[in-house]
Amino acid sequence: DVVSLTVREYGLVPLLSVYDGFTE
């Protein structure tokens, strides 16, 4: 989740983001 959000905040669109809605 945090990585997917951080990468998007840098203006990057990943090929794929995998997340579960939780961190730690």
mmCIF file of all heavy atoms, coordinates in Angstrom:
data_MODEL
# 
_entry.id   MODEL 
# 
loop_
_atom_site.group_PDB 
_atom_site.id 
_atom_site.type_symbol 
_atom_site.label_atom_id 
_atom_site.label_alt_id 
_atom_site.label_comp_id 
_atom_site.label_asym_id 
_atom_site.label_entity_id 
_atom_site.label_seq_id 
_atom_site.pdbx_PDB_ins_code 
_atom_site.Cartn_x 
_atom_site.Cartn_y 
_atom_site.Cartn_z 
_atom_site.occupancy 
_atom_site.B_iso_or_equiv 
_atom_site.pdbx_formal_charge 
_atom_site.auth_seq_id 
_atom_site.auth_comp_id 
_atom_site.auth_asym_id 
_atom_site.auth_atom_id 
_atom_site.pdbx_PDB_model_num 
ATOM 1   N N   . ASP A 1 1  ? 0.808  -1.221 0.000   1.00 0.00 ? 1  ASP A N   1 
ATOM 2   C CA  . ASP A 1 1  ? 0.000  0.000  0.000   1.00 0.00 ? 1  ASP A CA  1 
ATOM 3   C C   . ASP A 1 1  ? 0.840  1.269  0.000   1.00 0.00 ? 1  ASP A C   1 
ATOM 4   O O   . ASP A 1 1  ? 0.619  2.166  -0.826  1.00 0.00 ? 1  ASP A O   1 
ATOM 5   C CB  . ASP A 1 1  ? -0.923 -0.003 1.222   1.00 0.00 ? 1  ASP A CB  1 
ATOM 6   C CG  . ASP A 1 1  ? -1.937 -1.112 1.159   1.00 0.00 ? 1  ASP A CG  1 
ATOM 7   O OD1 . ASP A 1 1  ? -1.553 -2.303 1.243   1.00 0.00 ? 1  ASP A OD1 1 
ATOM 8   O OD2 . ASP A 1 1  ? -3.120 -0.808 1.017   1.00 0.00 ? 1  ASP A OD2 1 
ATOM 9   N N   . VAL A 1 2  ? 1.772  1.376  0.935   1.00 0.00 ? 2  VAL A N   1 
ATOM 10  C CA  . VAL A 1 2  ? 2.563  2.599  1.054   1.00 0.00 ? 2  VAL A CA  1 
ATOM 11  C C   . VAL A 1 2  ? 3.414  2.801  -0.193  1.00 0.00 ? 2  VAL A C   1 
ATOM 12  O O   . VAL A 1 2  ? 3.489  3.907  -0.737  1.00 0.00 ? 2  VAL A O   1 
ATOM 13  C CB  . VAL A 1 2  ? 3.441  2.565  2.332   1.00 0.00 ? 2  VAL A CB  1 
ATOM 14  C CG1 . VAL A 1 2  ? 4.365  3.763  2.387   1.00 0.00 ? 2  VAL A CG1 1 
ATOM 15  C CG2 . VAL A 1 2  ? 2.565  2.524  3.579   1.00 0.00 ? 2  VAL A CG2 1 
ATOM 16  N N   . VAL A 1 3  ? 4.037  1.746  -0.668  1.00 0.00 ? 3  VAL A N   1 
ATOM 17  C CA  . VAL A 1 3  ? 4.865  1.829  -1.872  1.00 0.00 ? 3  VAL A CA  1 
ATOM 18  C C   . VAL A 1 3  ? 4.020  2.254  -3.068  1.00 0.00 ? 3  VAL A C   1 
ATOM 19  O O   . VAL A 1 3  ? 4.417  3.131  -3.843  1.00 0.00 ? 3  VAL A O   1 
ATOM 20  C CB  . VAL A 1 3  ? 5.556  0.476  -2.147  1.00 0.00 ? 3  VAL A CB  1 
ATOM 21  C CG1 . VAL A 1 3  ? 6.195  0.448  -3.514  1.00 0.00 ? 3  VAL A CG1 1 
ATOM 22  C CG2 . VAL A 1 3  ? 6.582  0.187  -1.078  1.00 0.00 ? 3  VAL A CG2 1 
ATOM 23  N N   . SER A 1 4  ? 2.852  1.644  -3.233  1.00 0.00 ? 4  SER A N   1 
ATOM 24  C CA  . SER A 1 4  ? 1.990  1.975  -4.372  1.00 0.00 ? 4  SER A CA  1 
ATOM 25  C C   . SER A 1 4  ? 1.568  3.439  -4.331  1.00 0.00 ? 4  SER A C   1 
ATOM 26  O O   . SER A 1 4  ? 1.559  4.121  -5.360  1.00 0.00 ? 4  SER A O   1 
ATOM 27  C CB  . SER A 1 4  ? 0.762  1.065  -4.384  1.00 0.00 ? 4  SER A CB  1 
ATOM 28  O OG  . SER A 1 4  ? 1.154  -0.280 -4.587  1.00 0.00 ? 4  SER A OG  1 
ATOM 29  N N   . LEU A 1 5  ? 1.244  3.936  -3.150  1.00 0.00 ? 5  LEU A N   1 
ATOM 30  C CA  . LEU A 1 5  ? 0.860  5.341  -2.989  1.00 0.00 ? 5  LEU A CA  1 
ATOM 31  C C   . LEU A 1 5  ? 2.055  6.255  -3.255  1.00 0.00 ? 5  LEU A C   1 
ATOM 32  O O   . LEU A 1 5  ? 1.944  7.246  -3.985  1.00 0.00 ? 5  LEU A O   1 
ATOM 33  C CB  . LEU A 1 5  ? 0.297  5.575  -1.590  1.00 0.00 ? 5  LEU A CB  1 
ATOM 34  C CG  . LEU A 1 5  ? -0.198 6.986  -1.282  1.00 0.00 ? 5  LEU A CG  1 
ATOM 35  C CD1 . LEU A 1 5  ? -1.336 7.387  -2.213  1.00 0.00 ? 5  LEU A CD1 1 
ATOM 36  C CD2 . LEU A 1 5  ? -0.647 7.081  0.180   1.00 0.00 ? 5  LEU A CD2 1 
ATOM 37  N N   . THR A 1 6  ? 3.208  5.930  -2.693  1.00 0.00 ? 6  THR A N   1 
ATOM 38  C CA  . THR A 1 6  ? 4.407  6.755  -2.853  1.00 0.00 ? 6  THR A CA  1 
ATOM 39  C C   . THR A 1 6  ? 4.804  6.868  -4.321  1.00 0.00 ? 6  THR A C   1 
ATOM 40  O O   . THR A 1 6  ? 5.099  7.962  -4.812  1.00 0.00 ? 6  THR A O   1 
ATOM 41  C CB  . THR A 1 6  ? 5.577  6.176  -2.029  1.00 0.00 ? 6  THR A CB  1 
ATOM 42  O OG1 . THR A 1 6  ? 5.188  6.136  -0.651  1.00 0.00 ? 6  THR A OG1 1 
ATOM 43  C CG2 . THR A 1 6  ? 6.826  7.017  -2.181  1.00 0.00 ? 6  THR A CG2 1 
ATOM 44  N N   . VAL A 1 7  ? 4.796  5.764  -5.029  1.00 0.00 ? 7  VAL A N   1 
ATOM 45  C CA  . VAL A 1 7  ? 5.176  5.769  -6.443  1.00 0.00 ? 7  VAL A CA  1 
ATOM 46  C C   . VAL A 1 7  ? 4.206  6.640  -7.243  1.00 0.00 ? 7  VAL A C   1 
ATOM 47  O O   . VAL A 1 7  ? 4.622  7.446  -8.089  1.00 0.00 ? 7  VAL A O   1 
ATOM 48  C CB  . VAL A 1 7  ? 5.252  4.328  -6.984  1.00 0.00 ? 7  VAL A CB  1 
ATOM 49  C CG1 . VAL A 1 7  ? 5.315  4.308  -8.506  1.00 0.00 ? 7  VAL A CG1 1 
ATOM 50  C CG2 . VAL A 1 7  ? 6.464  3.616  -6.390  1.00 0.00 ? 7  VAL A CG2 1 
ATOM 51  N N   . ARG A 1 8  ? 2.921  6.543  -6.960  1.00 0.00 ? 8  ARG A N   1 
ATOM 52  C CA  . ARG A 1 8  ? 1.931  7.384  -7.649  1.00 0.00 ? 8  ARG A CA  1 
ATOM 53  C C   . ARG A 1 8  ? 2.133  8.856  -7.319  1.00 0.00 ? 8  ARG A C   1 
ATOM 54  O O   . ARG A 1 8  ? 1.953  9.728  -8.171  1.00 0.00 ? 8  ARG A O   1 
ATOM 55  C CB  . ARG A 1 8  ? 0.510  6.957  -7.268  1.00 0.00 ? 8  ARG A CB  1 
ATOM 56  C CG  . ARG A 1 8  ? 0.071  5.628  -7.843  1.00 0.00 ? 8  ARG A CG  1 
ATOM 57  C CD  . ARG A 1 8  ? -0.328 5.757  -9.283  1.00 0.00 ? 8  ARG A CD  1 
ATOM 58  N NE  . ARG A 1 8  ? -0.800 4.468  -9.788  1.00 0.00 ? 8  ARG A NE  1 
ATOM 59  C CZ  . ARG A 1 8  ? -1.645 4.348  -10.776 1.00 0.00 ? 8  ARG A CZ  1 
ATOM 60  N NH1 . ARG A 1 8  ? -2.140 5.401  -11.362 1.00 0.00 ? 8  ARG A NH1 1 
ATOM 61  N NH2 . ARG A 1 8  ? -2.002 3.153  -11.187 1.00 0.00 ? 8  ARG A NH2 1 
ATOM 62  N N   . GLU A 1 9  ? 2.496  9.154  -6.072  1.00 0.00 ? 9  GLU A N   1 
ATOM 63  C CA  . GLU A 1 9  ? 2.739  10.547 -5.676  1.00 0.00 ? 9  GLU A CA  1 
ATOM 64  C C   . GLU A 1 9  ? 3.923  11.150 -6.424  1.00 0.00 ? 9  GLU A C   1 
ATOM 65  O O   . GLU A 1 9  ? 4.010  12.357 -6.576  1.00 0.00 ? 9  GLU A O   1 
ATOM 66  C CB  . GLU A 1 9  ? 2.947  10.646 -4.162  1.00 0.00 ? 9  GLU A CB  1 
ATOM 67  C CG  . GLU A 1 9  ? 1.659  10.457 -3.387  1.00 0.00 ? 9  GLU A CG  1 
ATOM 68  C CD  . GLU A 1 9  ? 1.841  10.383 -1.885  1.00 0.00 ? 9  GLU A CD  1 
ATOM 69  O OE1 . GLU A 1 9  ? 2.981  10.139 -1.408  1.00 0.00 ? 9  GLU A OE1 1 
ATOM 70  O OE2 . GLU A 1 9  ? 0.839  10.575 -1.168  1.00 0.00 ? 9  GLU A OE2 1 
ATOM 71  N N   . TYR A 1 10 ? 4.833  10.321 -6.891  1.00 0.00 ? 10 TYR A N   1 
ATOM 72  C CA  . TYR A 1 10 ? 5.957  10.786 -7.708  1.00 0.00 ? 10 TYR A CA  1 
ATOM 73  C C   . TYR A 1 10 ? 5.572  10.897 -9.178  1.00 0.00 ? 10 TYR A C   1 
ATOM 74  O O   . TYR A 1 10 ? 6.423  11.146 -10.024 1.00 0.00 ? 10 TYR A O   1 
ATOM 75  C CB  . TYR A 1 10 ? 7.169  9.863  -7.538  1.00 0.00 ? 10 TYR A CB  1 
ATOM 76  C CG  . TYR A 1 10 ? 8.057  10.288 -6.397  1.00 0.00 ? 10 TYR A CG  1 
ATOM 77  C CD1 . TYR A 1 10 ? 7.778  9.900  -5.096  1.00 0.00 ? 10 TYR A CD1 1 
ATOM 78  C CD2 . TYR A 1 10 ? 9.163  11.104 -6.609  1.00 0.00 ? 10 TYR A CD2 1 
ATOM 79  C CE1 . TYR A 1 10 ? 8.575  10.297 -4.038  1.00 0.00 ? 10 TYR A CE1 1 
ATOM 80  C CE2 . TYR A 1 10 ? 9.963  11.514 -5.571  1.00 0.00 ? 10 TYR A CE2 1 
ATOM 81  C CZ  . TYR A 1 10 ? 9.667  11.110 -4.293  1.00 0.00 ? 10 TYR A CZ  1 
ATOM 82  O OH  . TYR A 1 10 ? 10.461 11.520 -3.252  1.00 0.00 ? 10 TYR A OH  1 
ATOM 83  N N   . GLY A 1 11 ? 4.297  10.700 -9.491  1.00 0.00 ? 11 GLY A N   1 
ATOM 84  C CA  . GLY A 1 11 ? 3.823  10.854 -10.856 1.00 0.00 ? 11 GLY A CA  1 
ATOM 85  C C   . GLY A 1 11 ? 4.074  9.655  -11.745 1.00 0.00 ? 11 GLY A C   1 
ATOM 86  O O   . GLY A 1 11 ? 3.924  9.739  -12.956 1.00 0.00 ? 11 GLY A O   1 
ATOM 87  N N   . LEU A 1 12 ? 4.438  8.528  -11.143 1.00 0.00 ? 12 LEU A N   1 
ATOM 88  C CA  . LEU A 1 12 ? 4.697  7.322  -11.920 1.00 0.00 ? 12 LEU A CA  1 
ATOM 89  C C   . LEU A 1 12 ? 3.456  6.437  -11.945 1.00 0.00 ? 12 LEU A C   1 
ATOM 90  O O   . LEU A 1 12 ? 2.750  6.320  -10.947 1.00 0.00 ? 12 LEU A O   1 
ATOM 91  C CB  . LEU A 1 12 ? 5.854  6.544  -11.298 1.00 0.00 ? 12 LEU A CB  1 
ATOM 92  C CG  . LEU A 1 12 ? 7.173  7.310  -11.167 1.00 0.00 ? 12 LEU A CG  1 
ATOM 93  C CD1 . LEU A 1 12 ? 8.165  6.528  -10.319 1.00 0.00 ? 12 LEU A CD1 1 
ATOM 94  C CD2 . LEU A 1 12 ? 7.757  7.615  -12.533 1.00 0.00 ? 12 LEU A CD2 1 
ATOM 95  N N   . VAL A 1 13 ? 3.193  5.825  -13.088 1.00 0.00 ? 13 VAL A N   1 
ATOM 96  C CA  . VAL A 1 13 ? 2.086  4.878  -13.210 1.00 0.00 ? 13 VAL A CA  1 
ATOM 97  C C   . VAL A 1 13 ? 2.690  3.493  -13.390 1.00 0.00 ? 13 VAL A C   1 
ATOM 98  O O   . VAL A 1 13 ? 3.221  3.175  -14.463 1.00 0.00 ? 13 VAL A O   1 
ATOM 99  C CB  . VAL A 1 13 ? 1.158  5.221  -14.392 1.00 0.00 ? 13 VAL A CB  1 
ATOM 100 C CG1 . VAL A 1 13 ? 0.048  4.182  -14.519 1.00 0.00 ? 13 VAL A CG1 1 
ATOM 101 C CG2 . VAL A 1 13 ? 0.586  6.617  -14.233 1.00 0.00 ? 13 VAL A CG2 1 
ATOM 102 N N   . PRO A 1 14 ? 2.648  2.673  -12.338 1.00 0.00 ? 14 PRO A N   1 
ATOM 103 C CA  . PRO A 1 14 ? 3.218  1.329  -12.453 1.00 0.00 ? 14 PRO A CA  1 
ATOM 104 C C   . PRO A 1 14 ? 2.468  0.477  -13.466 1.00 0.00 ? 14 PRO A C   1 
ATOM 105 O O   . PRO A 1 14 ? 1.279  0.690  -13.722 1.00 0.00 ? 14 PRO A O   1 
ATOM 106 C CB  . PRO A 1 14 ? 3.042  0.747  -11.048 1.00 0.00 ? 14 PRO A CB  1 
ATOM 107 C CG  . PRO A 1 14 ? 2.815  1.920  -10.155 1.00 0.00 ? 14 PRO A CG  1 
ATOM 108 C CD  . PRO A 1 14 ? 2.135  2.951  -11.003 1.00 0.00 ? 14 PRO A CD  1 
ATOM 109 N N   . LEU A 1 15 ? 3.179  -0.495 -14.015 1.00 0.00 ? 15 LEU A N   1 
ATOM 110 C CA  . LEU A 1 15 ? 2.506  -1.500 -14.839 1.00 0.00 ? 15 LEU A CA  1 
ATOM 111 C C   . LEU A 1 15 ? 1.434  -2.177 -14.005 1.00 0.00 ? 15 LEU A C   1 
ATOM 112 O O   . LEU A 1 15 ? 0.327  -2.439 -14.469 1.00 0.00 ? 15 LEU A O   1 
ATOM 113 C CB  . LEU A 1 15 ? 3.492  -2.577 -15.299 1.00 0.00 ? 15 LEU A CB  1 
ATOM 114 C CG  . LEU A 1 15 ? 4.401  -2.287 -16.458 1.00 0.00 ? 15 LEU A CG  1 
ATOM 115 C CD1 . LEU A 1 15 ? 5.380  -3.430 -16.666 1.00 0.00 ? 15 LEU A CD1 1 
ATOM 116 C CD2 . LEU A 1 15 ? 3.600  -2.040 -17.715 1.00 0.00 ? 15 LEU A CD2 1 
ATOM 117 N N   . LEU A 1 16 ? 1.792  -2.465 -12.742 1.00 0.00 ? 16 LEU A N   1 
ATOM 118 C CA  . LEU A 1 16 ? 0.897  -3.182 -11.836 1.00 0.00 ? 16 LEU A CA  1 
ATOM 119 C C   . LEU A 1 16 ? 1.161  -2.725 -10.412 1.00 0.00 ? 16 LEU A C   1 
ATOM 120 O O   . LEU A 1 16 ? 2.307  -2.546 -10.020 1.00 0.00 ? 16 LEU A O   1 
ATOM 121 C CB  . LEU A 1 16 ? 1.157  -4.696 -11.938 1.00 0.00 ? 16 LEU A CB  1 
ATOM 122 C CG  . LEU A 1 16 ? 0.476  -5.597 -10.909 1.00 0.00 ? 16 LEU A CG  1 
ATOM 123 C CD1 . LEU A 1 16 ? -1.045 -5.542 -11.046 1.00 0.00 ? 16 LEU A CD1 1 
ATOM 124 C CD2 . LEU A 1 16 ? 0.982  -7.031 -11.045 1.00 0.00 ? 16 LEU A CD2 1 
ATOM 125 N N   . SER A 1 17 ? 0.081  -2.544 -9.662  1.00 0.00 ? 17 SER A N   1 
ATOM 126 C CA  . SER A 1 17 ? 0.166  -2.303 -8.217  1.00 0.00 ? 17 SER A CA  1 
ATOM 127 C C   . SER A 1 17 ? -0.640 -3.385 -7.523  1.00 0.00 ? 17 SER A C   1 
ATOM 128 O O   . SER A 1 17 ? -1.784 -3.645 -7.891  1.00 0.00 ? 17 SER A O   1 
ATOM 129 C CB  . SER A 1 17 ? -0.427 -0.936 -7.847  1.00 0.00 ? 17 SER A CB  1 
ATOM 130 O OG  . SER A 1 17 ? 0.345  0.103  -8.402  1.00 0.00 ? 17 SER A OG  1 
ATOM 131 N N   . VAL A 1 18 ? -0.022 -4.023 -6.531  1.00 0.00 ? 18 VAL A N   1 
ATOM 132 C CA  . VAL A 1 18 ? -0.683 -5.056 -5.741  1.00 0.00 ? 18 VAL A CA  1 
ATOM 133 C C   . VAL A 1 18 ? -0.750 -4.539 -4.318  1.00 0.00 ? 18 VAL A C   1 
ATOM 134 O O   . VAL A 1 18 ? 0.275  -4.152 -3.746  1.00 0.00 ? 18 VAL A O   1 
ATOM 135 C CB  . VAL A 1 18 ? 0.104  -6.391 -5.778  1.00 0.00 ? 18 VAL A CB  1 
ATOM 136 C CG1 . VAL A 1 18 ? -0.637 -7.468 -4.991  1.00 0.00 ? 18 VAL A CG1 1 
ATOM 137 C CG2 . VAL A 1 18 ? 0.351  -6.845 -7.222  1.00 0.00 ? 18 VAL A CG2 1 
ATOM 138 N N   . TYR A 1 19 ? -1.956 -4.511 -3.746  1.00 0.00 ? 19 TYR A N   1 
ATOM 139 C CA  . TYR A 1 19 ? -2.112 -3.983 -2.389  1.00 0.00 ? 19 TYR A CA  1 
ATOM 140 C C   . TYR A 1 19 ? -3.208 -4.733 -1.659  1.00 0.00 ? 19 TYR A C   1 
ATOM 141 O O   . TYR A 1 19 ? -4.015 -5.422 -2.266  1.00 0.00 ? 19 TYR A O   1 
ATOM 142 C CB  . TYR A 1 19 ? -2.391 -2.477 -2.426  1.00 0.00 ? 19 TYR A CB  1 
ATOM 143 C CG  . TYR A 1 19 ? -3.825 -2.108 -2.745  1.00 0.00 ? 19 TYR A CG  1 
ATOM 144 C CD1 . TYR A 1 19 ? -4.673 -1.648 -1.738  1.00 0.00 ? 19 TYR A CD1 1 
ATOM 145 C CD2 . TYR A 1 19 ? -4.341 -2.237 -4.029  1.00 0.00 ? 19 TYR A CD2 1 
ATOM 146 C CE1 . TYR A 1 19 ? -5.987 -1.317 -2.018  1.00 0.00 ? 19 TYR A CE1 1 
ATOM 147 C CE2 . TYR A 1 19 ? -5.644 -1.905 -4.316  1.00 0.00 ? 19 TYR A CE2 1 
ATOM 148 C CZ  . TYR A 1 19 ? -6.470 -1.443 -3.306  1.00 0.00 ? 19 TYR A CZ  1 
ATOM 149 O OH  . TYR A 1 19 ? -7.779 -1.123 -3.568  1.00 0.00 ? 19 TYR A OH  1 
ATOM 150 N N   . ASP A 1 20 ? -3.248 -4.576 -0.318  1.00 0.00 ? 20 ASP A N   1 
ATOM 151 C CA  . ASP A 1 20 ? -4.293 -5.241 0.461   1.00 0.00 ? 20 ASP A CA  1 
ATOM 152 C C   . ASP A 1 20 ? -5.078 -4.308 1.373   1.00 0.00 ? 20 ASP A C   1 
ATOM 153 O O   . ASP A 1 20 ? -5.978 -4.748 2.086   1.00 0.00 ? 20 ASP A O   1 
ATOM 154 C CB  . ASP A 1 20 ? -3.714 -6.417 1.265   1.00 0.00 ? 20 ASP A CB  1 
ATOM 155 C CG  . ASP A 1 20 ? -2.718 -6.003 2.336   1.00 0.00 ? 20 ASP A CG  1 
ATOM 156 O OD1 . ASP A 1 20 ? -2.518 -4.786 2.563   1.00 0.00 ? 20 ASP A OD1 1 
ATOM 157 O OD2 . ASP A 1 20 ? -2.127 -6.902 2.953   1.00 0.00 ? 20 ASP A OD2 1 
ATOM 158 N N   . GLY A 1 21 ? -4.755 -3.026 1.382   1.00 0.00 ? 21 GLY A N   1 
ATOM 159 C CA  . GLY A 1 21 ? -5.489 -2.076 2.226   1.00 0.00 ? 21 GLY A CA  1 
ATOM 160 C C   . GLY A 1 21 ? -4.956 -1.993 3.644   1.00 0.00 ? 21 GLY A C   1 
ATOM 161 O O   . GLY A 1 21 ? -5.542 -1.322 4.483   1.00 0.00 ? 21 GLY A O   1 
ATOM 162 N N   . PHE A 1 22 ? -3.840 -2.662 3.921   1.00 0.00 ? 22 PHE A N   1 
ATOM 163 C CA  . PHE A 1 22 ? -3.255 -2.656 5.263   1.00 0.00 ? 22 PHE A CA  1 
ATOM 164 C C   . PHE A 1 22 ? -1.758 -2.428 5.151   1.00 0.00 ? 22 PHE A C   1 
ATOM 165 O O   . PHE A 1 22 ? -1.141 -2.760 4.140   1.00 0.00 ? 22 PHE A O   1 
ATOM 166 C CB  . PHE A 1 22 ? -3.481 -4.005 5.972   1.00 0.00 ? 22 PHE A CB  1 
ATOM 167 C CG  . PHE A 1 22 ? -4.906 -4.254 6.340   1.00 0.00 ? 22 PHE A CG  1 
ATOM 168 C CD1 . PHE A 1 22 ? -5.793 -4.774 5.400   1.00 0.00 ? 22 PHE A CD1 1 
ATOM 169 C CD2 . PHE A 1 22 ? -5.371 -3.974 7.612   1.00 0.00 ? 22 PHE A CD2 1 
ATOM 170 C CE1 . PHE A 1 22 ? -7.111 -5.007 5.725   1.00 0.00 ? 22 PHE A CE1 1 
ATOM 171 C CE2 . PHE A 1 22 ? -6.687 -4.212 7.951   1.00 0.00 ? 22 PHE A CE2 1 
ATOM 172 C CZ  . PHE A 1 22 ? -7.569 -4.726 7.008   1.00 0.00 ? 22 PHE A CZ  1 
ATOM 173 N N   . THR A 1 23 ? -1.190 -1.881 6.217   1.00 0.00 ? 23 THR A N   1 
ATOM 174 C CA  . THR A 1 23 ? 0.263  -1.818 6.324   1.00 0.00 ? 23 THR A CA  1 
ATOM 175 C C   . THR A 1 23 ? 0.637  -2.139 7.758   1.00 0.00 ? 23 THR A C   1 
ATOM 176 O O   . THR A 1 23 ? 0.013  -1.627 8.689   1.00 0.00 ? 23 THR A O   1 
ATOM 177 C CB  . THR A 1 23 ? 0.828  -0.450 5.889   1.00 0.00 ? 23 THR A CB  1 
ATOM 178 O OG1 . THR A 1 23 ? 2.242  -0.544 5.827   1.00 0.00 ? 23 THR A OG1 1 
ATOM 179 C CG2 . THR A 1 23 ? 0.445  0.670  6.814   1.00 0.00 ? 23 THR A CG2 1 
ATOM 180 N N   . GLU A 1 24 ? 1.590  -3.031 7.914   1.00 0.00 ? 24 GLU A N   1 
ATOM 181 C CA  . GLU A 1 24 ? 1.991  -3.507 9.231   1.00 0.00 ? 24 GLU A CA  1 
ATOM 182 C C   . GLU A 1 24 ? 0.761  -3.896 10.065  1.00 0.00 ? 24 GLU A C   1 
ATOM 183 O O   . GLU A 1 24 ? 0.642  -3.555 11.225  1.00 0.00 ? 24 GLU A O   1 
ATOM 184 C CB  . GLU A 1 24 ? 2.852  -2.470 9.942   1.00 0.00 ? 24 GLU A CB  1 
ATOM 185 C CG  . GLU A 1 24 ? 4.168  -2.236 9.226   1.00 0.00 ? 24 GLU A CG  1 
ATOM 186 C CD  . GLU A 1 24 ? 5.073  -1.254 9.928   1.00 0.00 ? 24 GLU A CD  1 
ATOM 187 O OE1 . GLU A 1 24 ? 4.921  -1.070 11.139  1.00 0.00 ? 24 GLU A OE1 1 
ATOM 188 O OE2 . GLU A 1 24 ? 5.932  -0.681 9.245   1.00 0.00 ? 24 GLU A OE2 1 
# 
